[in-house]
Amino acid sequence: MFDIQYGDKGMIVCTGRLDAAQCQKGQVFLDEVMESSTLDFDSLEYISSAGLGILLKTQKRLAQRGAALKIVNVNKHMHDVFRYSGFHAIFDIEAK
């Protein structure tokens, strides 16, 4: 299961597992984001390559507007995924 919604102070809170089966839900939400935003991954357990793809698509779209995504509260495993995929150079990422 995966959930994405606005939390405190406008932060976007992601919970559960962002895998191929849940990407549509994430994409629909992120398509509405039009300005720099922070994603809170404190309760995100897993992200697949499909999940990384929607983050990259959103980041590219926002960059055209001079905006960007920041990702916070990333656990060690997901931080490794971002680093190995090279996404640490694309996103501003803060580990837990």
PDB file of N, CA and C in Angstrom:
ATOM      1  N   MET A   1       0.841  -1.178   0.000  1.00  0.00           N
ATOM      2  CA  MET A   1       0.000   0.000   0.000  1.00  0.00           C
ATOM      3  C   MET A   1       0.889   1.247   0.000  1.00  0.00           C
ATOM      4  N   PHE A   2       0.426   2.284  -0.622  1.00  0.00           N
ATOM      5  CA  PHE A   2       1.151   3.541  -0.725  1.00  0.00           C
ATOM      6  C   PHE A   2       0.178   4.692  -0.540  1.00  0.00           C
ATOM      7  N   ASP A   3       0.642   5.744   0.145  1.00  0.00           N
ATOM      8  CA  ASP A   3      -0.165   6.948   0.287  1.00  0.00           C
ATOM      9  C   ASP A   3       0.733   8.163   0.119  1.00  0.00           C
ATOM     10  N   ILE A   4       0.183   9.205  -0.474  1.00  0.00           N
ATOM     11  CA  ILE A   4       0.894  10.462  -0.654  1.00  0.00           C
ATOM     12  C   ILE A   4      -0.104  11.578  -0.412  1.00  0.00           C
ATOM     13  N   GLN A   5       0.277  12.533   0.450  1.00  0.00           N
ATOM     14  CA  GLN A   5      -0.611  13.640   0.784  1.00  0.00           C
ATOM     15  C   GLN A   5       0.197  14.784   1.381  1.00  0.00           C
ATOM     16  N   TYR A   6      -0.429  15.946   1.438  1.00  0.00           N
ATOM     17  CA  TYR A   6       0.218  17.079   2.078  1.00  0.00           C
ATOM     18  C   TYR A   6       0.131  16.920   3.579  1.00  0.00           C
ATOM     19  N   GLY A   7       1.251  17.184   4.252  1.00  0.00           N
ATOM     20  CA  GLY A   7       1.307  17.139   5.699  1.00  0.00           C
ATOM     21  C   GLY A   7       1.548  18.526   6.262  1.00  0.00           C
ATOM     22  N   ASP A   8       2.161  18.577   7.414  1.00  0.00           N
ATOM     23  CA  ASP A   8       2.454  19.843   8.077  1.00  0.00           C
ATOM     24  C   ASP A   8       3.357  20.722   7.226  1.00  0.00           C
ATOM     25  N   LYS A   9       3.084  22.006   7.257  1.00  0.00           N
ATOM     26  CA  LYS A   9       3.914  23.022   6.599  1.00  0.00           C
ATOM     27  C   LYS A   9       4.066  22.776   5.098  1.00  0.00           C
ATOM     28  N   GLY A  10       3.072  22.127   4.481  1.00  0.00           N
ATOM     29  CA  GLY A  10       3.101  21.917   3.043  1.00  0.00           C
ATOM     30  C   GLY A  10       4.008  20.793   2.561  1.00  0.00           C
ATOM     31  N   MET A  11       4.640  20.091   3.490  1.00  0.00           N
ATOM     32  CA  MET A  11       5.508  18.973   3.115  1.00  0.00           C
ATOM     33  C   MET A  11       4.651  17.847   2.539  1.00  0.00           C
ATOM     34  N   ILE A  12       5.172  17.162   1.535  1.00  0.00           N
ATOM     35  CA  ILE A  12       4.470  16.037   0.928  1.00  0.00           C
ATOM     36  C   ILE A  12       4.935  14.760   1.627  1.00  0.00           C
ATOM     37  N   VAL A  13       4.013  14.075   2.278  1.00  0.00           N
ATOM     38  CA  VAL A  13       4.333  12.902   3.077  1.00  0.00           C
ATOM     39  C   VAL A  13       4.012  11.643   2.273  1.00  0.00           C
ATOM     40  N   CYS A  14       5.021  10.772   2.138  1.00  0.00           N
ATOM     41  CA  CYS A  14       4.870   9.499   1.429  1.00  0.00           C
ATOM     42  C   CYS A  14       4.964   8.358   2.439  1.00  0.00           C
ATOM     43  N   THR A  15       4.022   7.437   2.377  1.00  0.00           N
ATOM     44  CA  THR A  15       4.042   6.297   3.290  1.00  0.00           C
ATOM     45  C   THR A  15       3.830   5.001   2.515  1.00  0.00           C
ATOM     46  N   GLY A  16       4.390   3.929   3.044  1.00  0.00           N
ATOM     47  CA  GLY A  16       4.193   2.610   2.459  1.00  0.00           C
ATOM     48  C   GLY A  16       5.247   2.240   1.438  1.00  0.00           C
ATOM     49  N   ARG A  17       4.787   1.661   0.328  1.00  0.00           N
ATOM     50  CA  ARG A  17       5.688   1.142  -0.708  1.00  0.00           C
ATOM     51  C   ARG A  17       5.341   1.775  -2.051  1.00  0.00           C
ATOM     52  N   LEU A  18       6.283   2.507  -2.613  1.00  0.00           N
ATOM     53  CA  LEU A  18       6.090   3.125  -3.930  1.00  0.00           C
ATOM     54  C   LEU A  18       6.698   2.203  -4.974  1.00  0.00           C
ATOM     55  N   ASP A  19       5.851   1.300  -5.471  1.00  0.00           N
ATOM     56  CA  ASP A  19       6.300   0.344  -6.484  1.00  0.00           C
ATOM     57  C   ASP A  19       5.473   0.528  -7.753  1.00  0.00           C
ATOM     58  N   ALA A  20       5.692  -0.313  -8.744  1.00  0.00           N
ATOM     59  CA  ALA A  20       5.023  -0.159 -10.037  1.00  0.00           C
ATOM     60  C   ALA A  20       3.498  -0.152  -9.900  1.00  0.00           C
ATOM     61  N   ALA A  21       2.981  -0.943  -8.989  1.00  0.00           N
ATOM     62  CA  ALA A  21       1.532  -1.015  -8.814  1.00  0.00           C
ATOM     63  C   ALA A  21       0.949   0.266  -8.236  1.00  0.00           C
ATOM     64  N   GLN A  22       1.764   1.073  -7.564  1.00  0.00           N
ATOM     65  CA  GLN A  22       1.294   2.287  -6.900  1.00  0.00           C
ATOM     66  C   GLN A  22       1.732   3.579  -7.603  1.00  0.00           C
ATOM     67  N   CYS A  23       2.488   3.442  -8.673  1.00  0.00           N
ATOM     68  CA  CYS A  23       3.050   4.623  -9.345  1.00  0.00           C
ATOM     69  C   CYS A  23       2.000   5.561  -9.907  1.00  0.00           C
ATOM     70  N   GLN A  24       0.905   5.021 -10.385  1.00  0.00           N
ATOM     71  CA  GLN A  24      -0.153   5.877 -10.947  1.00  0.00           C
ATOM     72  C   GLN A  24      -0.641   6.875  -9.897  1.00  0.00           C
ATOM     73  N   LYS A  25      -0.854   6.389  -8.678  1.00  0.00           N
ATOM     74  CA  LYS A  25      -1.317   7.253  -7.586  1.00  0.00           C
ATOM     75  C   LYS A  25      -0.296   8.349  -7.302  1.00  0.00           C
ATOM     76  N   GLY A  26       0.981   7.978  -7.248  1.00  0.00           N
ATOM     77  CA  GLY A  26       2.034   8.957  -7.006  1.00  0.00           C
ATOM     78  C   GLY A  26       2.154   9.954  -8.140  1.00  0.00           C
ATOM     79  N   GLN A  27       2.057   9.473  -9.375  1.00  0.00           N
ATOM     80  CA  GLN A  27       2.192  10.350 -10.547  1.00  0.00           C
ATOM     81  C   GLN A  27       1.060  11.369 -10.604  1.00  0.00           C
ATOM     82  N   VAL A  28      -0.162  10.933 -10.356  1.00  0.00           N
ATOM     83  CA  VAL A  28      -1.309  11.847 -10.377  1.00  0.00           C
ATOM     84  C   VAL A  28      -1.109  12.963  -9.357  1.00  0.00           C
ATOM     85  N   PHE A  29      -0.654  12.616  -8.163  1.00  0.00           N
ATOM     86  CA  PHE A  29      -0.427  13.621  -7.121  1.00  0.00           C
ATOM     87  C   PHE A  29       0.703  14.568  -7.535  1.00  0.00           C
ATOM     88  N   LEU A  30       1.838  14.018  -7.947  1.00  0.00           N
ATOM     89  CA  LEU A  30       2.999  14.846  -8.259  1.00  0.00           C
ATOM     90  C   LEU A  30       2.793  15.703  -9.504  1.00  0.00           C
ATOM     91  N   ASP A  31       1.914  15.291 -10.403  1.00  0.00           N
ATOM     92  CA  ASP A  31       1.607  16.114 -11.578  1.00  0.00           C
ATOM     93  C   ASP A  31       0.972  17.446 -11.188  1.00  0.00           C
ATOM     94  N   GLU A  32       0.393  17.517 -10.010  1.00  0.00           N
ATOM     95  CA  GLU A  32      -0.244  18.748  -9.537  1.00  0.00           C
ATOM     96  C   GLU A  32       0.741  19.685  -8.829  1.00  0.00           C
ATOM     97  N   VAL A  33       1.937  19.201  -8.520  1.00  0.00           N
ATOM     98  CA  VAL A  33       2.942  20.021  -7.834  1.00  0.00           C
ATOM     99  C   VAL A  33       3.572  20.965  -8.856  1.00  0.00           C
ATOM    100  N   MET A  34       3.506  22.276  -8.571  1.00  0.00           N
ATOM    101  CA  MET A  34       3.984  23.272  -9.525  1.00  0.00           C
ATOM    102  C   MET A  34       5.128  24.129  -8.987  1.00  0.00           C
ATOM    103  N   GLU A  35       5.522  23.908  -7.739  1.00  0.00           N
ATOM    104  CA  GLU A  35       6.592  24.715  -7.148  1.00  0.00           C
ATOM    105  C   GLU A  35       7.519  23.822  -6.338  1.00  0.00           C
ATOM    106  N   SER A  36       8.641  24.374  -5.937  1.00  0.00           N
ATOM    107  CA  SER A  36       9.591  23.612  -5.123  1.00  0.00           C
ATOM    108  C   SER A  36       8.865  23.021  -3.923  1.00  0.00           C
ATOM    109  N   SER A  37       9.129  21.755  -3.657  1.00  0.00           N
ATOM    110  CA  SER A  37       8.437  21.047  -2.592  1.00  0.00           C
ATOM    111  C   SER A  37       9.386  20.066  -1.917  1.00  0.00           C
ATOM    112  N   THR A  38       9.038  19.716  -0.681  1.00  0.00           N
ATOM    113  CA  THR A  38       9.807  18.747   0.080  1.00  0.00           C
ATOM    114  C   THR A  38       8.984  17.482   0.259  1.00  0.00           C
ATOM    115  N   LEU A  39       9.609  16.354  -0.062  1.00  0.00           N
ATOM    116  CA  LEU A  39       8.994  15.046   0.138  1.00  0.00           C
ATOM    117  C   LEU A  39       9.545  14.446   1.424  1.00  0.00           C
ATOM    118  N   ASP A  40       8.670  14.026   2.316  1.00  0.00           N
ATOM    119  CA  ASP A  40       9.076  13.389   3.562  1.00  0.00           C
ATOM    120  C   ASP A  40       8.945  11.875   3.396  1.00  0.00           C
ATOM    121  N   PHE A  41      10.100  11.193   3.415  1.00  0.00           N
ATOM    122  CA  PHE A  41      10.137   9.741   3.222  1.00  0.00           C
ATOM    123  C   PHE A  41      10.265   8.991   4.547  1.00  0.00           C
ATOM    124  N   ASP A  42       9.966   9.638   5.673  1.00  0.00           N
ATOM    125  CA  ASP A  42      10.137   8.997   6.979  1.00  0.00           C
ATOM    126  C   ASP A  42       9.367   7.680   7.073  1.00  0.00           C
ATOM    127  N   SER A  43       8.186   7.618   6.477  1.00  0.00           N
ATOM    128  CA  SER A  43       7.357   6.412   6.560  1.00  0.00           C
ATOM    129  C   SER A  43       7.310   5.640   5.244  1.00  0.00           C
ATOM    130  N   LEU A  44       8.185   5.994   4.298  1.00  0.00           N
ATOM    131  CA  LEU A  44       8.252   5.243   3.045  1.00  0.00           C
ATOM    132  C   LEU A  44       9.176   4.053   3.263  1.00  0.00           C
ATOM    133  N   GLU A  45       8.663   2.859   3.041  1.00  0.00           N
ATOM    134  CA  GLU A  45       9.407   1.628   3.305  1.00  0.00           C
ATOM    135  C   GLU A  45      10.239   1.165   2.111  1.00  0.00           C
ATOM    136  N   TYR A  46       9.755   1.493   0.898  1.00  0.00           N
ATOM    137  CA  TYR A  46      10.371   0.929  -0.303  1.00  0.00           C
ATOM    138  C   TYR A  46      10.076   1.833  -1.488  1.00  0.00           C
ATOM    139  N   ILE A  47      11.044   1.920  -2.412  1.00  0.00           N
ATOM    140  CA  ILE A  47      10.817   2.598  -3.681  1.00  0.00           C
ATOM    141  C   ILE A  47      11.434   1.762  -4.796  1.00  0.00           C
ATOM    142  N   SER A  48      10.654   1.516  -5.837  1.00  0.00           N
ATOM    143  CA  SER A  48      11.133   0.718  -6.975  1.00  0.00           C
ATOM    144  C   SER A  48      11.703   1.641  -8.044  1.00  0.00           C
ATOM    145  N   SER A  49      12.235   1.042  -9.096  1.00  0.00           N
ATOM    146  CA  SER A  49      12.743   1.847 -10.204  1.00  0.00           C
ATOM    147  C   SER A  49      11.611   2.638 -10.849  1.00  0.00           C
ATOM    148  N   ALA A  50      10.410   2.100 -10.848  1.00  0.00           N
ATOM    149  CA  ALA A  50       9.251   2.833 -11.374  1.00  0.00           C
ATOM    150  C   ALA A  50       8.967   4.060 -10.512  1.00  0.00           C
ATOM    151  N   GLY A  51       9.106   3.914  -9.209  1.00  0.00           N
ATOM    152  CA  GLY A  51       8.938   5.043  -8.294  1.00  0.00           C
ATOM    153  C   GLY A  51      10.002   6.105  -8.515  1.00  0.00           C
ATOM    154  N   LEU A  52      11.235   5.655  -8.707  1.00  0.00           N
ATOM    155  CA  LEU A  52      12.316   6.602  -9.017  1.00  0.00           C
ATOM    156  C   LEU A  52      12.007   7.347 -10.314  1.00  0.00           C
ATOM    157  N   GLY A  53      11.409   6.649 -11.258  1.00  0.00           N
ATOM    158  CA  GLY A  53      11.073   7.263 -12.535  1.00  0.00           C
ATOM    159  C   GLY A  53      10.093   8.419 -12.404  1.00  0.00           C
ATOM    160  N   ILE A  54       9.075   8.275 -11.548  1.00  0.00           N
ATOM    161  CA  ILE A  54       8.124   9.381 -11.412  1.00  0.00           C
ATOM    162  C   ILE A  54       8.755  10.557 -10.669  1.00  0.00           C
ATOM    163  N   LEU A  55       9.677  10.269  -9.757  1.00  0.00           N
ATOM    164  CA  LEU A  55      10.392  11.368  -9.094  1.00  0.00           C
ATOM    165  C   LEU A  55      11.249  12.123 -10.105  1.00  0.00           C
ATOM    166  N   LEU A  56      11.936  11.387 -10.968  1.00  0.00           N
ATOM    167  CA  LEU A  56      12.789  12.020 -11.977  1.00  0.00           C
ATOM    168  C   LEU A  56      11.953  12.848 -12.952  1.00  0.00           C
ATOM    169  N   LYS A  57      10.842  12.298 -13.392  1.00  0.00           N
ATOM    170  CA  LYS A  57       9.955  13.026 -14.310  1.00  0.00           C
ATOM    171  C   LYS A  57       9.485  14.333 -13.676  1.00  0.00           C
ATOM    172  N   THR A  58       9.113  14.269 -12.408  1.00  0.00           N
ATOM    173  CA  THR A  58       8.647  15.461 -11.700  1.00  0.00           C
ATOM    174  C   THR A  58       9.773  16.464 -11.540  1.00  0.00           C
ATOM    175  N   GLN A  59      10.960  15.977 -11.194  1.00  0.00           N
ATOM    176  CA  GLN A  59      12.111  16.868 -11.016  1.00  0.00           C
ATOM    177  C   GLN A  59      12.440  17.598 -12.322  1.00  0.00           C
ATOM    178  N   LYS A  60      12.428  16.894 -13.431  1.00  0.00           N
ATOM    179  CA  LYS A  60      12.721  17.511 -14.730  1.00  0.00           C
ATOM    180  C   LYS A  60      11.680  18.574 -15.077  1.00  0.00           C
ATOM    181  N   ARG A  61      10.409  18.268 -14.837  1.00  0.00           N
ATOM    182  CA  ARG A  61       9.340  19.228 -15.121  1.00  0.00           C
ATOM    183  C   ARG A  61       9.490  20.474 -14.258  1.00  0.00           C
ATOM    184  N   LEU A  62       9.768  20.277 -12.974  1.00  0.00           N
ATOM    185  CA  LEU A  62       9.927  21.415 -12.070  1.00  0.00           C
ATOM    186  C   LEU A  62      11.162  22.246 -12.428  1.00  0.00           C
ATOM    187  N   ALA A  63      12.237  21.588 -12.831  1.00  0.00           N
ATOM    188  CA  ALA A  63      13.467  22.302 -13.183  1.00  0.00           C
ATOM    189  C   ALA A  63      13.220  23.291 -14.319  1.00  0.00           C
ATOM    190  N   GLN A  64      12.331  22.967 -15.223  1.00  0.00           N
ATOM    191  CA  GLN A  64      11.993  23.888 -16.319  1.00  0.00           C
ATOM    192  C   GLN A  64      11.334  25.160 -15.795  1.00  0.00           C
ATOM    193  N   ARG A  65      10.782  25.102 -14.597  1.00  0.00           N
ATOM    194  CA  ARG A  65      10.120  26.242 -13.966  1.00  0.00           C
ATOM    195  C   ARG A  65      11.030  26.916 -12.935  1.00  0.00           C
ATOM    196  N   GLY A  66      12.267  26.411 -12.811  1.00  0.00           N
ATOM    197  CA  GLY A  66      13.178  26.951 -11.809  1.00  0.00           C
ATOM    198  C   GLY A  66      12.907  26.441 -10.411  1.00  0.00           C
ATOM    199  N   ALA A  67      12.223  25.315 -10.310  1.00  0.00           N
ATOM    200  CA  ALA A  67      11.860  24.722  -9.022  1.00  0.00           C
ATOM    201  C   ALA A  67      12.521  23.349  -8.895  1.00  0.00           C
ATOM    202  N   ALA A  68      12.350  22.709  -7.727  1.00  0.00           N
ATOM    203  CA  ALA A  68      12.975  21.400  -7.505  1.00  0.00           C
ATOM    204  C   ALA A  68      12.295  20.672  -6.349  1.00  0.00           C
ATOM    205  N   LEU A  69      12.523  19.369  -6.308  1.00  0.00           N
ATOM    206  CA  LEU A  69      12.093  18.546  -5.184  1.00  0.00           C
ATOM    207  C   LEU A  69      13.254  18.368  -4.222  1.00  0.00           C
ATOM    208  N   LYS A  70      12.946  18.375  -2.945  1.00  0.00           N
ATOM    209  CA  LYS A  70      13.904  18.024  -1.896  1.00  0.00           C
ATOM    210  C   LYS A  70      13.315  16.809  -1.193  1.00  0.00           C
ATOM    211  N   ILE A  71      14.159  15.846  -0.860  1.00  0.00           N
ATOM    212  CA  ILE A  71      13.689  14.621  -0.218  1.00  0.00           C
ATOM    213  C   ILE A  71      14.364  14.504   1.150  1.00  0.00           C
ATOM    214  N   VAL A  72      13.546  14.372   2.197  1.00  0.00           N
ATOM    215  CA  VAL A  72      14.077  14.317   3.559  1.00  0.00           C
ATOM    216  C   VAL A  72      13.663  13.029   4.252  1.00  0.00           C
ATOM    217  N   ASN A  73      14.366  12.726   5.343  1.00  0.00           N
ATOM    218  CA  ASN A  73      14.097  11.551   6.185  1.00  0.00           C
ATOM    219  C   ASN A  73      14.207  10.246   5.404  1.00  0.00           C
ATOM    220  N   VAL A  74      15.241  10.146   4.597  1.00  0.00           N
ATOM    221  CA  VAL A  74      15.486   8.962   3.780  1.00  0.00           C
ATOM    222  C   VAL A  74      16.253   7.936   4.613  1.00  0.00           C
ATOM    223  N   ASN A  75      15.734   6.704   4.690  1.00  0.00           N
ATOM    224  CA  ASN A  75      16.438   5.680   5.466  1.00  0.00           C
ATOM    225  C   ASN A  75      17.707   5.235   4.739  1.00  0.00           C
ATOM    226  N   LYS A  76      18.555   4.492   5.428  1.00  0.00           N
ATOM    227  CA  LYS A  76      19.852   4.109   4.877  1.00  0.00           C
ATOM    228  C   LYS A  76      19.722   3.313   3.582  1.00  0.00           C
ATOM    229  N   HIS A  77      18.801   2.364   3.540  1.00  0.00           N
ATOM    230  CA  HIS A  77      18.639   1.548   2.332  1.00  0.00           C
ATOM    231  C   HIS A  77      18.264   2.414   1.125  1.00  0.00           C
ATOM    232  N   MET A  78      17.269   3.286   1.307  1.00  0.00           N
ATOM    233  CA  MET A  78      16.861   4.130   0.184  1.00  0.00           C
ATOM    234  C   MET A  78      17.931   5.146  -0.175  1.00  0.00           C
ATOM    235  N   HIS A  79      18.673   5.597   0.826  1.00  0.00           N
ATOM    236  CA  HIS A  79      19.785   6.519   0.536  1.00  0.00           C
ATOM    237  C   HIS A  79      20.805   5.818  -0.356  1.00  0.00           C
ATOM    238  N   ASP A  80      21.068   4.549  -0.092  1.00  0.00           N
ATOM    239  CA  ASP A  80      21.975   3.764  -0.942  1.00  0.00           C
ATOM    240  C   ASP A  80      21.418   3.632  -2.357  1.00  0.00           C
ATOM    241  N   VAL A  81      20.106   3.408  -2.476  1.00  0.00           N
ATOM    242  CA  VAL A  81      19.472   3.296  -3.792  1.00  0.00           C
ATOM    243  C   VAL A  81      19.672   4.597  -4.576  1.00  0.00           C
ATOM    244  N   PHE A  82      19.448   5.729  -3.926  1.00  0.00           N
ATOM    245  CA  PHE A  82      19.637   7.025  -4.590  1.00  0.00           C
ATOM    246  C   PHE A  82      21.094   7.217  -4.997  1.00  0.00           C
ATOM    247  N   ARG A  83      21.995   6.802  -4.138  1.00  0.00           N
ATOM    248  CA  ARG A  83      23.424   6.973  -4.439  1.00  0.00           C
ATOM    249  C   ARG A  83      23.862   6.061  -5.583  1.00  0.00           C
ATOM    250  N   TYR A  84      23.482   4.797  -5.539  1.00  0.00           N
ATOM    251  CA  TYR A  84      23.887   3.848  -6.582  1.00  0.00           C
ATOM    252  C   TYR A  84      23.279   4.184  -7.940  1.00  0.00           C
ATOM    253  N   SER A  85      22.093   4.772  -7.931  1.00  0.00           N
ATOM    254  CA  SER A  85      21.422   5.128  -9.186  1.00  0.00           C
ATOM    255  C   SER A  85      21.910   6.470  -9.740  1.00  0.00           C
ATOM    256  N   GLY A  86      22.692   7.189  -8.934  1.00  0.00           N
ATOM    257  CA  GLY A  86      23.165   8.502  -9.356  1.00  0.00           C
ATOM    258  C   GLY A  86      22.163   9.611  -9.070  1.00  0.00           C
ATOM    259  N   PHE A  87      21.033   9.271  -8.475  1.00  0.00           N
ATOM    260  CA  PHE A  87      20.006  10.268  -8.193  1.00  0.00           C
ATOM    261  C   PHE A  87      20.424  11.240  -7.097  1.00  0.00           C
ATOM    262  N   HIS A  88      21.421  10.888  -6.308  1.00  0.00           N
ATOM    263  CA  HIS A  88      21.898  11.811  -5.266  1.00  0.00           C
ATOM    264  C   HIS A  88      22.457  13.088  -5.892  1.00  0.00           C
ATOM    265  N   ALA A  89      22.832  13.026  -7.170  1.00  0.00           N
ATOM    266  CA  ALA A  89      23.339  14.215  -7.873  1.00  0.00           C
ATOM    267  C   ALA A  89      22.200  15.033  -8.482  1.00  0.00           C
ATOM    268  N   ILE A  90      21.000  14.479  -8.511  1.00  0.00           N
ATOM    269  CA  ILE A  90      19.850  15.137  -9.129  1.00  0.00           C
ATOM    270  C   ILE A  90      18.943  15.776  -8.084  1.00  0.00           C
ATOM    271  N   PHE A  91      18.871  15.154  -6.926  1.00  0.00           N
ATOM    272  CA  PHE A  91      17.982  15.609  -5.857  1.00  0.00           C
ATOM    273  C   PHE A  91      18.775  16.077  -4.647  1.00  0.00           C
ATOM    274  N   ASP A  92      18.209  17.027  -3.911  1.00  0.00           N
ATOM    275  CA  ASP A  92      18.728  17.407  -2.604  1.00  0.00           C
ATOM    276  C   ASP A  92      18.126  16.394  -1.629  1.00  0.00           C
ATOM    277  N   ILE A  93      18.974  15.530  -1.045  1.00  0.00           N
ATOM    278  CA  ILE A  93      18.505  14.433  -0.205  1.00  0.00           C
ATOM    279  C   ILE A  93      19.107  14.549   1.185  1.00  0.00           C
ATOM    280  N   GLU A  94      18.251  14.407   2.193  1.00  0.00           N
ATOM    281  CA  GLU A  94      18.698  14.403   3.591  1.00  0.00           C
ATOM    282  C   GLU A  94      18.336  13.061   4.212  1.00  0.00           C
ATOM    283  N   ALA A  95      19.326  12.376   4.750  1.00  0.00           N
ATOM    284  CA  ALA A  95      19.092  11.102   5.423  1.00  0.00           C
ATOM    285  C   ALA A  95      18.483  11.339   6.796  1.00  0.00           C
ATOM    286  N   LYS A  96      17.950  10.263   7.375  1.00  0.00           N
ATOM    287  CA  LYS A  96      17.403  10.340   8.739  1.00  0.00           C
ATOM    288  C   LYS A  96      18.512  10.641   9.711  1.00  0.00           C
TER     289      LYS A  96
END
